[in-house]
Amino acid sequence: MILQETAGPLDINAVRAQVGNGFQVGQSPVPTFGIGPKPVWIRLVVENPDAQPVSRLLLAGTTWIDRLDFYAAHAGQIVSHQVAGDQASDYLRPRAGMGYLFEHEFPPGSTEIYLRAVTADPLLLPLRLLGVDDAAAMERATSYSYGLVYGFVLALLAYNLMLYLGLAQPSHRDYSIYLLFFGLMNLAYTGHGYTWLWSDSPVLQNYIILALMVLFACSGFRFASGFLGLHQYAPALARTLQFFCRAVICLMTVFIALRWQREAAFLAFSTALVFAIAMVALGWDAVRRQRPAGKYFLAAACSGMAGTALTTMTVWGWLPFSMFSYRAVEIGILIEATLLALAVAYLVRQHENARHSAEQLARVDPLTGLLNRRALLEQGEQLKVAALRHGRPLSLVLFDLDHFKFINDLYGHAVGDEVLRESAVLLRNLCRREDLAARWGGRGVYFVVARCGHPVGRQYGGTIAARAGRAGVMGRH
């Protein structure tokens, strides 16, 4: 049975007087009332058929309710009144990840339970009557599940921080910030933060969830902008996202300063929905433009959007409450985090491969595949230092192809290029693994072989040239 205050606050006696007239039967198993509703009363009747009193725990509400009054009435008298919520530090605190637990010993017969809930945030009131052992088992299972969530997030966060410190890639830094705000947001709205970190600051508890929701969305936009390279291919869109983030952060700051909790809640949940939809749109655009890792990003964004949308619509009362839909944001974000980690790793591999290819192109002659002059000078210096250190001789052979201009003039440059490529293949086959084979280039066509461990002189050079000649490379040294 549900009664919503309309004309002003009601005390317990006035509420009990309206039983049968003012109360209405709830339309769903879990009542939901949207953001910042007027105070709500819930009435339950608990029957104890035994001859002895039975101790039970009522699990009620969510961890962010401002104030939750519990009344128990038996034989026409109020026998218990407990106050919970995060509005004052002396209220009964929530059980992290669960809600508020009210313990009561139910005497034989009927006991009326009245709950009055007040909050400026979204109000939903799941209710469960549990035995002591059942409540302990549920709390243990909840703790394990959140332990897995936080362990996973911390592992990803540490991994990406180490990669950022090692590689200095902005994507790893921005992704780490994004994960950090997700972890803090989850700590806040599950009640873990209020239980462990800021238990003496109820005002902070009233606003930190909403502020972290906005910061989480803005950090996600920052990561997406840098990861997808919006500043390069869509600068106007990048500036729009930046303006949006600054605007919502400023608005949230104003609402918190003015203690407009209801307006702050509307802003936070609206930002969460905009963020989820915008991330999918960014992912779709990235795939359409064939951006690197765009498919990973789109799949991640779809997972995050699905989870965020399910939880947001459940909290707002647009969807029936279930534990899956209520915690869907955690599942969606964890899948999203995993896929984004793969996307970041893929992008880093692409960058590393491109850098390696660029380095190779800068050191290799593109026509023959041999080292170019720059690479020969760099590696030849190392070979020289090693030869001097160990007292070993170093040989350097320089030769070119006879009548190469005649080949180009008679058969064309395409045939000349083929001759160079085949000559390079023959030269590589003649060289040992530790030799340096390079194309010196210039106006003529010169090939160089540097060897360590052989005497320097025309005799050895003549041997190389003779072997090359016998293999089909006409040359002089």
Protein backbone atom coordinates (compact mmCIF):
# COMPACT_ATOMS: atom_id res chain seq x y z
CA MET A 1 0.00 0.00 0.00
CA ILE A 2 1.32 3.44 -0.99
CA LEU A 3 0.48 6.94 0.18
CA GLN A 4 2.16 10.08 -1.20
CA GLU A 5 2.11 13.31 0.77
CA THR A 6 0.53 16.14 -1.21
CA ALA A 7 -0.60 18.87 1.21
CA GLY A 8 2.36 18.73 3.61
CA PRO A 9 4.24 16.45 6.01
CA LEU A 10 2.20 13.76 7.80
CA ASP A 11 3.03 12.13 11.11
CA ILE A 12 2.61 8.44 11.77
CA ASN A 13 -0.74 8.85 13.51
CA ALA A 14 -2.21 10.85 10.61
CA VAL A 15 -0.97 8.22 8.19
CA ARG A 16 -2.44 5.35 10.19
CA ALA A 17 -5.77 7.17 10.20
CA GLN A 18 -5.80 7.08 6.38
CA VAL A 19 -5.48 3.31 6.13
CA GLY A 20 -8.33 2.13 3.95
CA ASN A 21 -8.93 5.57 2.43
CA GLY A 22 -5.74 7.38 1.35
CA PHE A 23 -3.52 4.37 0.62
CA GLN A 24 -3.47 2.80 -2.83
CA VAL A 25 -2.30 -0.59 -3.96
CA GLY A 26 1.10 -0.45 -5.69
CA GLN A 27 1.13 -1.20 -9.42
CA SER A 28 4.53 -2.95 -9.46
CA PRO A 29 6.43 -5.25 -7.08
CA VAL A 30 9.08 -2.53 -6.61
CA PRO A 31 7.66 1.00 -6.26
CA THR A 32 9.52 3.68 -8.23
CA PHE A 33 8.76 7.40 -8.11
CA GLY A 34 11.29 9.18 -10.33
CA ILE A 35 13.58 12.05 -9.38
CA GLY A 36 12.78 14.24 -6.36
CA PRO A 37 9.23 13.03 -5.61
CA LYS A 38 7.15 14.18 -2.67
CA PRO A 39 7.56 12.07 0.50
CA VAL A 40 6.14 8.57 0.13
CA TRP A 41 4.67 6.19 2.71
CA ILE A 42 4.66 2.42 2.28
CA ARG A 43 2.49 0.14 4.46
CA LEU A 44 3.12 -3.57 4.94
CA VAL A 45 1.50 -6.17 7.15
CA VAL A 46 3.71 -8.98 8.46
CA GLU A 47 2.05 -12.09 9.91
CA ASN A 48 3.82 -14.26 12.49
CA PRO A 49 1.85 -17.51 12.85
CA ASP A 50 4.22 -18.91 15.50
CA ALA A 51 3.67 -18.70 19.22
CA GLN A 52 7.10 -17.14 19.74
CA PRO A 53 8.54 -13.82 18.51
CA VAL A 54 10.65 -14.06 15.35
CA SER A 55 13.55 -11.78 14.51
CA ARG A 56 13.61 -10.55 10.92
CA LEU A 57 15.42 -7.85 8.91
CA LEU A 58 13.66 -5.61 6.42
CA LEU A 59 15.94 -4.63 3.52
CA ALA A 60 14.54 -1.41 2.09
CA GLY A 61 15.39 1.22 -0.50
CA THR A 62 18.67 2.16 -2.11
CA THR A 63 21.83 3.54 -0.55
CA TRP A 64 21.26 7.18 -1.57
CA ILE A 65 17.90 7.90 0.12
CA ASP A 66 18.07 11.09 2.21
CA ARG A 67 15.85 9.87 5.01
CA LEU A 68 13.96 6.63 5.57
CA ASP A 69 11.71 6.27 8.66
CA PHE A 70 10.76 2.77 9.84
CA TYR A 71 7.72 2.35 12.11
CA ALA A 72 6.39 -0.92 13.54
CA ALA A 73 2.93 -1.04 15.08
CA HIS A 74 1.46 -3.99 17.03
CA ALA A 75 -1.86 -4.22 18.84
CA GLY A 76 -2.62 -0.61 17.93
CA GLN A 77 0.63 0.78 19.39
CA ILE A 78 3.86 2.04 17.80
CA VAL A 79 6.49 -0.33 19.16
CA SER A 80 9.51 0.73 17.12
CA HIS A 81 10.80 3.77 15.25
CA GLN A 82 14.15 3.75 13.42
CA VAL A 83 15.60 6.46 11.20
CA ALA A 84 18.02 5.74 8.35
CA GLY A 85 19.45 7.68 5.42
CA ASP A 86 22.40 9.79 4.36
CA GLN A 87 20.98 13.19 5.35
CA ALA A 88 22.56 13.21 8.82
CA SER A 89 25.56 11.42 10.32
CA ASP A 90 23.54 10.01 13.27
CA TYR A 91 21.07 8.18 11.00
CA LEU A 92 21.29 4.45 10.45
CA ARG A 93 23.83 3.95 7.65
CA PRO A 94 23.20 1.85 4.54
CA ARG A 95 24.67 -1.60 4.05
CA ALA A 96 27.07 -1.07 1.17
CA GLY A 97 25.72 -2.35 -2.12
CA MET A 98 22.37 -3.37 -0.60
CA GLY A 99 20.25 -0.66 1.02
CA TYR A 100 19.01 -0.11 4.58
CA LEU A 101 18.48 -2.99 7.00
CA PHE A 102 15.93 -2.57 9.80
CA GLU A 103 15.99 -5.32 12.42
CA HIS A 104 12.78 -6.02 14.31
CA GLU A 105 11.44 -8.78 16.49
CA PHE A 106 7.96 -9.63 15.28
CA PRO A 107 5.61 -10.88 18.02
CA PRO A 108 2.92 -13.47 17.27
CA GLY A 109 0.09 -12.13 15.16
CA SER A 110 -0.01 -9.15 12.81
CA THR A 111 2.50 -6.30 12.75
CA GLU A 112 2.08 -3.20 10.64
CA ILE A 113 5.21 -1.75 9.03
CA TYR A 114 5.24 1.86 7.80
CA LEU A 115 8.11 3.34 5.79
CA ARG A 116 8.42 7.04 4.95
CA ALA A 117 10.99 7.83 2.23
CA VAL A 118 12.29 11.29 1.36
CA THR A 119 14.96 12.09 -1.22
CA ALA A 120 15.75 14.62 -3.91
CA ASP A 121 17.40 11.86 -5.95
CA PRO A 122 15.56 9.13 -7.89
CA LEU A 123 13.42 7.15 -5.46
CA LEU A 124 12.85 3.44 -5.76
CA LEU A 125 11.97 1.17 -2.85
CA PRO A 126 12.78 -2.51 -3.27
CA LEU A 127 11.68 -4.36 -0.12
CA ARG A 128 12.72 -7.78 1.18
CA LEU A 129 12.02 -9.42 4.52
CA LEU A 130 14.97 -11.64 5.44
CA GLY A 131 16.05 -13.97 8.16
CA VAL A 132 19.29 -13.19 9.96
CA ASP A 133 21.19 -15.94 8.13
CA ASP A 134 19.68 -15.00 4.77
CA ALA A 135 20.67 -11.36 5.26
CA ALA A 136 24.23 -12.38 6.16
CA ALA A 137 24.47 -14.64 3.08
CA MET A 138 23.11 -11.87 0.84
CA GLU A 139 25.56 -9.34 2.25
CA ARG A 140 28.44 -11.78 1.75
CA ALA A 141 27.46 -12.48 -1.87
CA THR A 142 27.09 -8.74 -2.54
CA SER A 143 30.52 -8.07 -1.06
CA TYR A 144 32.09 -10.75 -3.26
CA SER A 145 30.45 -9.39 -6.40
CA TYR A 146 31.60 -5.84 -5.74
CA GLY A 147 35.04 -7.12 -4.80
CA LEU A 148 35.28 -8.65 -8.28
CA VAL A 149 34.12 -5.38 -9.86
CA TYR A 150 36.64 -3.24 -7.98
CA GLY A 151 39.45 -5.73 -8.46
CA PHE A 152 38.85 -5.78 -12.20
CA VAL A 153 38.70 -1.98 -12.43
CA LEU A 154 41.85 -1.55 -10.30
CA ALA A 155 43.73 -4.09 -12.41
CA LEU A 156 42.79 -2.29 -15.63
CA LEU A 157 43.61 1.07 -14.06
CA ALA A 158 47.05 -0.07 -12.86
CA TYR A 159 47.80 -1.73 -16.21
CA ASN A 160 46.99 1.40 -18.20
CA LEU A 161 48.86 3.68 -15.80
CA MET A 162 51.97 1.55 -16.19
CA LEU A 163 51.58 1.61 -19.96
CA TYR A 164 51.21 5.39 -19.87
CA LEU A 165 54.32 5.77 -17.70
CA GLY A 166 56.23 3.51 -20.07
CA LEU A 167 54.88 4.66 -23.44
CA ALA A 168 53.61 8.18 -22.66
CA GLN A 169 50.55 7.58 -24.85
CA PRO A 170 47.73 10.06 -24.03
CA SER A 171 45.11 7.37 -24.70
CA HIS A 172 46.35 5.33 -21.74
CA ARG A 173 46.29 8.41 -19.48
CA ASP A 174 42.77 9.44 -20.52
CA TYR A 175 41.50 5.88 -20.25
CA SER A 176 42.97 5.60 -16.74
CA ILE A 177 41.14 8.78 -15.70
CA TYR A 178 37.92 7.39 -17.19
CA LEU A 179 38.30 4.16 -15.20
CA LEU A 180 39.13 6.11 -12.04
CA PHE A 181 35.91 8.12 -12.24
CA PHE A 182 33.89 4.98 -12.92
CA GLY A 183 35.35 3.33 -9.82
CA LEU A 184 34.71 6.40 -7.66
CA MET A 185 31.17 6.77 -9.02
CA ASN A 186 30.43 3.14 -8.24
CA LEU A 187 31.85 3.50 -4.74
CA ALA A 188 29.60 6.51 -4.20
CA TYR A 189 26.24 5.22 -5.41
CA THR A 190 26.61 1.75 -3.88
CA GLY A 191 27.23 3.27 -0.44
CA HIS A 192 30.76 1.90 -0.10
CA GLY A 193 32.22 5.40 -0.13
CA TYR A 194 29.82 6.64 2.56
CA THR A 195 30.61 3.57 4.67
CA TRP A 196 34.40 3.58 4.24
CA LEU A 197 35.59 7.05 3.22
CA TRP A 198 33.29 9.98 4.04
CA SER A 199 31.00 8.60 6.74
CA ASP A 200 31.05 11.90 8.64
CA SER A 201 30.07 14.01 5.63
CA PRO A 202 26.38 13.52 4.75
CA VAL A 203 26.36 16.70 2.63
CA LEU A 204 29.17 15.27 0.53
CA GLN A 205 27.21 12.04 0.18
CA ASN A 206 24.18 13.97 -1.10
CA TYR A 207 26.09 15.46 -4.04
CA ILE A 208 29.15 13.34 -4.74
CA ILE A 209 27.23 10.68 -6.67
CA LEU A 210 25.77 13.31 -8.99
CA ALA A 211 29.07 15.15 -9.42
CA LEU A 212 30.94 11.92 -10.20
CA MET A 213 28.33 10.95 -12.80
CA VAL A 214 29.06 14.20 -14.65
CA LEU A 215 32.84 13.81 -14.29
CA PHE A 216 32.63 10.21 -15.49
CA ALA A 217 30.77 11.28 -18.64
CA CYS A 218 33.16 14.17 -19.31
CA SER A 219 36.24 11.96 -18.84
CA GLY A 220 34.67 9.49 -21.29
CA PHE A 221 34.21 12.26 -23.87
CA ARG A 222 37.82 13.37 -23.36
CA PHE A 223 39.08 9.83 -23.90
CA ALA A 224 36.88 9.33 -26.98
CA SER A 225 38.00 12.65 -28.49
CA GLY A 226 41.68 11.80 -28.17
CA PHE A 227 41.37 8.11 -28.99
CA LEU A 228 39.35 8.69 -32.17
CA GLY A 229 41.42 11.72 -33.22
CA LEU A 230 38.44 14.08 -33.40
CA HIS A 231 40.71 17.13 -33.36
CA GLN A 232 42.21 15.94 -36.67
CA TYR A 233 39.19 14.80 -38.68
CA ALA A 234 36.26 16.48 -36.86
CA PRO A 235 37.55 19.57 -35.03
CA ALA A 236 34.08 21.16 -34.80
CA LEU A 237 32.72 18.05 -33.07
CA ALA A 238 35.68 18.00 -30.70
CA ARG A 239 35.03 21.63 -29.74
CA THR A 240 31.32 20.87 -29.24
CA LEU A 241 32.09 18.01 -26.84
CA GLN A 242 34.55 20.20 -24.99
CA PHE A 243 31.97 22.99 -24.63
CA PHE A 244 29.32 20.51 -23.47
CA CYS A 245 31.61 19.12 -20.77
CA ARG A 246 32.54 22.55 -19.50
CA ALA A 247 28.89 23.63 -19.46
CA VAL A 248 27.62 20.63 -17.46
CA ILE A 249 30.51 20.87 -14.99
CA CYS A 250 29.78 24.58 -14.44
CA LEU A 251 26.05 23.89 -14.04
CA MET A 252 26.69 21.08 -11.56
CA THR A 253 29.02 23.36 -9.59
CA VAL A 254 26.30 26.04 -9.42
CA PHE A 255 23.61 23.54 -8.36
CA ILE A 256 25.83 22.14 -5.61
CA ALA A 257 26.76 25.62 -4.38
CA LEU A 258 23.06 26.56 -4.22
CA ARG A 259 22.13 23.16 -2.67
CA TRP A 260 19.72 22.43 -5.52
CA GLN A 261 19.86 18.67 -5.17
CA ARG A 262 16.84 17.87 -7.33
CA GLU A 263 18.16 19.98 -10.23
CA ALA A 264 21.60 18.41 -9.81
CA ALA A 265 20.02 14.94 -10.04
CA PHE A 266 18.19 15.83 -13.26
CA LEU A 267 21.42 17.18 -14.73
CA ALA A 268 23.46 14.13 -13.72
CA PHE A 269 21.06 11.53 -15.10
CA SER A 270 20.42 13.53 -18.27
CA THR A 271 24.16 13.78 -18.82
CA ALA A 272 24.50 10.03 -18.32
CA LEU A 273 21.91 9.33 -21.03
CA VAL A 274 23.43 11.88 -23.43
CA PHE A 275 26.85 10.36 -22.81
CA ALA A 276 25.69 6.82 -23.56
CA ILE A 277 23.96 7.80 -26.79
CA ALA A 278 26.78 10.11 -27.93
CA MET A 279 29.44 7.43 -27.39
CA VAL A 280 27.55 5.05 -29.70
CA ALA A 281 27.20 7.81 -32.29
CA LEU A 282 30.94 8.52 -32.09
CA GLY A 283 31.69 4.82 -32.48
CA TRP A 284 29.40 4.51 -35.50
CA ASP A 285 31.03 7.55 -37.11
CA ALA A 286 34.48 6.09 -36.43
CA VAL A 287 33.53 2.83 -38.16
CA ARG A 288 32.02 4.73 -41.08
CA ARG A 289 35.22 6.73 -41.48
CA GLN A 290 37.31 3.55 -41.06
CA ARG A 291 39.19 4.99 -38.11
CA PRO A 292 41.70 2.67 -36.39
CA ALA A 293 40.04 0.50 -33.72
CA GLY A 294 36.65 2.01 -34.60
CA LYS A 295 34.89 -1.38 -34.41
CA TYR A 296 36.27 -2.02 -30.93
CA PHE A 297 35.11 1.41 -29.83
CA LEU A 298 31.60 0.95 -31.27
CA ALA A 299 31.15 -2.43 -29.58
CA ALA A 300 32.37 -0.97 -26.28
CA ALA A 301 30.09 2.06 -26.57
CA CYS A 302 27.06 -0.14 -27.31
CA SER A 303 27.77 -2.22 -24.18
CA GLY A 304 28.16 0.87 -22.03
CA MET A 305 25.05 2.50 -23.48
CA ALA A 306 22.91 -0.59 -22.93
CA GLY A 307 23.99 -0.90 -19.29
CA THR A 308 23.68 2.83 -18.55
CA ALA A 309 20.29 3.09 -20.23
CA LEU A 310 18.88 0.06 -18.39
CA THR A 311 20.01 1.29 -14.98
CA THR A 312 18.97 4.89 -15.59
CA MET A 313 15.49 3.94 -16.79
CA THR A 314 15.11 1.52 -13.87
CA VAL A 315 16.12 4.19 -11.35
CA TRP A 316 13.79 6.73 -12.96
CA GLY A 317 10.92 4.24 -12.84
CA TRP A 318 10.56 3.80 -16.59
CA LEU A 319 11.37 0.07 -16.35
CA PRO A 320 10.32 -2.51 -13.75
CA PHE A 321 12.95 -3.01 -11.05
CA SER A 322 15.14 -6.10 -11.11
CA MET A 323 18.60 -6.70 -9.73
CA PHE A 324 19.88 -7.24 -13.27
CA SER A 325 18.52 -3.96 -14.62
CA TYR A 326 19.57 -2.10 -11.46
CA ARG A 327 23.18 -3.29 -11.78
CA ALA A 328 23.23 -3.35 -15.58
CA VAL A 329 25.44 -0.25 -15.67
CA GLU A 330 28.20 -2.17 -13.87
CA ILE A 331 27.99 -5.09 -16.28
CA GLY A 332 27.86 -2.78 -19.31
CA ILE A 333 30.75 -0.61 -18.15
CA LEU A 334 32.92 -3.63 -17.32
CA ILE A 335 32.34 -5.05 -20.80
CA GLU A 336 32.96 -1.59 -22.22
CA ALA A 337 36.16 -1.24 -20.19
CA THR A 338 37.44 -4.59 -21.46
CA LEU A 339 36.72 -3.75 -25.09
CA LEU A 340 38.21 -0.26 -24.75
CA ALA A 341 41.34 -1.77 -23.22
CA LEU A 342 41.59 -4.02 -26.29
CA ALA A 343 40.96 -0.98 -28.51
CA VAL A 344 43.72 1.02 -26.82
CA ALA A 345 46.10 -1.93 -27.10
CA TYR A 346 45.21 -2.32 -30.78
CA LEU A 347 45.78 1.38 -31.43
CA VAL A 348 49.13 1.29 -29.65
CA ARG A 349 50.16 -1.72 -31.74
CA GLN A 350 49.15 0.17 -34.87
CA HIS A 351 51.24 3.16 -33.81
CA GLU A 352 54.20 0.96 -32.95
CA ASN A 353 53.95 -0.88 -36.26
CA ALA A 354 53.74 2.42 -38.14
CA ARG A 355 56.74 3.77 -36.24
CA HIS A 356 58.70 0.60 -36.92
CA SER A 357 57.77 0.73 -40.60
CA ALA A 358 58.83 4.37 -40.78
CA GLU A 359 62.15 3.54 -39.16
CA GLN A 360 62.64 0.66 -41.55
CA LEU A 361 61.85 2.86 -44.56
CA ALA A 362 64.34 5.42 -43.30
CA ARG A 363 67.08 2.75 -43.11
CA VAL A 364 66.33 0.54 -46.10
CA ASP A 365 66.69 1.22 -49.81
CA PRO A 366 63.12 0.78 -51.11
CA LEU A 367 64.15 -0.70 -54.45
CA THR A 368 66.68 -3.35 -53.41
CA GLY A 369 65.76 -3.94 -49.78
CA LEU A 370 69.40 -3.44 -48.79
CA LEU A 371 70.52 -1.00 -46.14
CA ASN A 372 70.78 2.58 -47.36
CA ARG A 373 73.74 4.91 -46.86
CA ARG A 374 72.44 6.27 -43.55
CA ALA A 375 71.98 2.81 -42.06
CA LEU A 376 75.39 1.70 -43.33
CA LEU A 377 77.09 4.65 -41.66
CA GLU A 378 75.28 4.01 -38.36
CA GLN A 379 75.86 0.26 -38.25
CA GLY A 380 79.29 0.53 -39.84
CA GLU A 381 80.39 2.77 -36.98
CA GLN A 382 79.33 0.07 -34.52
CA LEU A 383 81.22 -2.53 -36.57
CA LYS A 384 84.30 -0.32 -36.56
CA VAL A 385 84.17 0.17 -32.79
CA ALA A 386 83.82 -3.58 -32.27
CA ALA A 387 86.76 -4.29 -34.60
CA LEU A 388 89.01 -1.79 -32.79
CA ARG A 389 88.00 -3.08 -29.36
CA HIS A 390 88.74 -6.70 -30.20
CA GLY A 391 91.71 -6.03 -32.49
CA ARG A 392 90.13 -7.63 -35.52
CA PRO A 393 90.55 -6.44 -39.11
CA LEU A 394 87.67 -4.83 -40.97
CA SER A 395 87.09 -5.13 -44.71
CA LEU A 396 85.08 -2.74 -46.85
CA VAL A 397 84.23 -3.58 -50.46
CA LEU A 398 82.66 -1.00 -52.78
CA PHE A 399 81.62 -1.95 -56.32
CA ASP A 400 79.02 -1.12 -58.98
CA LEU A 401 77.49 -2.73 -62.06
CA ASP A 402 79.29 -2.45 -65.43
CA HIS A 403 77.39 -0.89 -68.33
CA PHE A 404 74.30 -0.25 -66.20
CA LYS A 405 73.46 2.92 -68.14
CA PHE A 406 73.52 0.88 -71.34
CA ILE A 407 70.93 -1.51 -69.81
CA ASN A 408 68.65 1.39 -68.89
CA ASP A 409 69.01 3.00 -72.31
CA LEU A 410 68.47 -0.21 -74.26
CA TYR A 411 65.82 -2.00 -72.18
CA GLY A 412 64.27 0.78 -70.11
CA HIS A 413 64.33 1.68 -66.43
CA ALA A 414 61.90 -1.07 -65.44
CA VAL A 415 64.44 -3.70 -66.61
CA GLY A 416 67.20 -1.73 -64.90
CA ASP A 417 65.29 -1.82 -61.63
CA GLU A 418 64.86 -5.58 -62.00
CA VAL A 419 68.61 -5.95 -62.53
CA LEU A 420 69.23 -4.00 -59.32
CA ARG A 421 66.80 -6.15 -57.36
CA GLU A 422 68.32 -9.40 -58.65
CA SER A 423 71.81 -8.08 -57.96
CA ALA A 424 70.76 -7.30 -54.39
CA VAL A 425 69.42 -10.86 -53.97
CA LEU A 426 72.72 -12.31 -55.22
CA LEU A 427 74.66 -9.98 -52.93
CA ARG A 428 72.66 -11.02 -49.87
CA ASN A 429 73.26 -14.67 -50.73
CA LEU A 430 77.01 -14.03 -50.89
CA CYS A 431 77.12 -12.31 -47.50
CA ARG A 432 77.29 -13.84 -44.08
CA ARG A 433 74.69 -13.03 -41.46
CA GLU A 434 77.00 -10.64 -39.65
CA ASP A 435 78.02 -8.75 -42.82
CA LEU A 436 76.53 -5.40 -43.79
CA ALA A 437 75.21 -5.24 -47.34
CA ALA A 438 74.08 -1.80 -48.49
CA ARG A 439 73.34 0.28 -51.54
CA TRP A 440 75.48 3.40 -51.45
CA GLY A 441 73.52 5.10 -54.24
CA GLY A 442 74.52 8.45 -55.66
CA ARG A 443 74.61 9.11 -59.37
CA GLY A 444 76.18 5.72 -59.98
CA VAL A 445 74.97 2.36 -58.70
CA TYR A 446 77.25 1.31 -55.87
CA PHE A 447 77.05 -1.69 -53.56
CA VAL A 448 78.97 -2.03 -50.31
CA VAL A 449 79.94 -5.03 -48.25
CA ALA A 450 81.50 -4.53 -44.81
CA ARG A 451 83.05 -7.52 -43.08
CA CYS A 452 84.71 -7.90 -39.71
CA GLY A 453 87.36 -10.53 -39.21
CA HIS A 454 89.08 -10.41 -42.65
CA PRO A 455 92.19 -8.47 -43.72
CA VAL A 456 91.64 -5.23 -45.55
CA GLY A 457 93.06 -5.17 -49.08
CA ARG A 458 92.46 -5.50 -52.76
CA GLN A 459 93.04 -9.23 -52.61
CA TYR A 460 89.98 -9.83 -50.43
CA GLY A 461 87.99 -7.24 -52.37
CA GLY A 462 88.94 -9.00 -55.56
CA THR A 463 87.68 -12.27 -54.11
CA ILE A 464 84.27 -10.76 -53.35
CA ALA A 465 84.10 -9.13 -56.75
CA ALA A 466 85.13 -12.37 -58.47
CA ARG A 467 82.48 -14.33 -56.61
CA ALA A 468 79.93 -11.71 -57.53
CA GLY A 469 81.00 -11.87 -61.15
CA ARG A 470 80.69 -15.64 -61.22
CA ALA A 471 77.23 -15.31 -59.68
CA GLY A 472 76.18 -12.95 -62.48
CA VAL A 473 76.94 -9.54 -61.00
CA MET A 474 79.42 -7.80 -63.33
CA GLY A 475 81.37 -5.37 -61.21
CA ARG A 476 84.62 -3.70 -60.41
CA HIS A 477 86.04 -2.89 -56.99
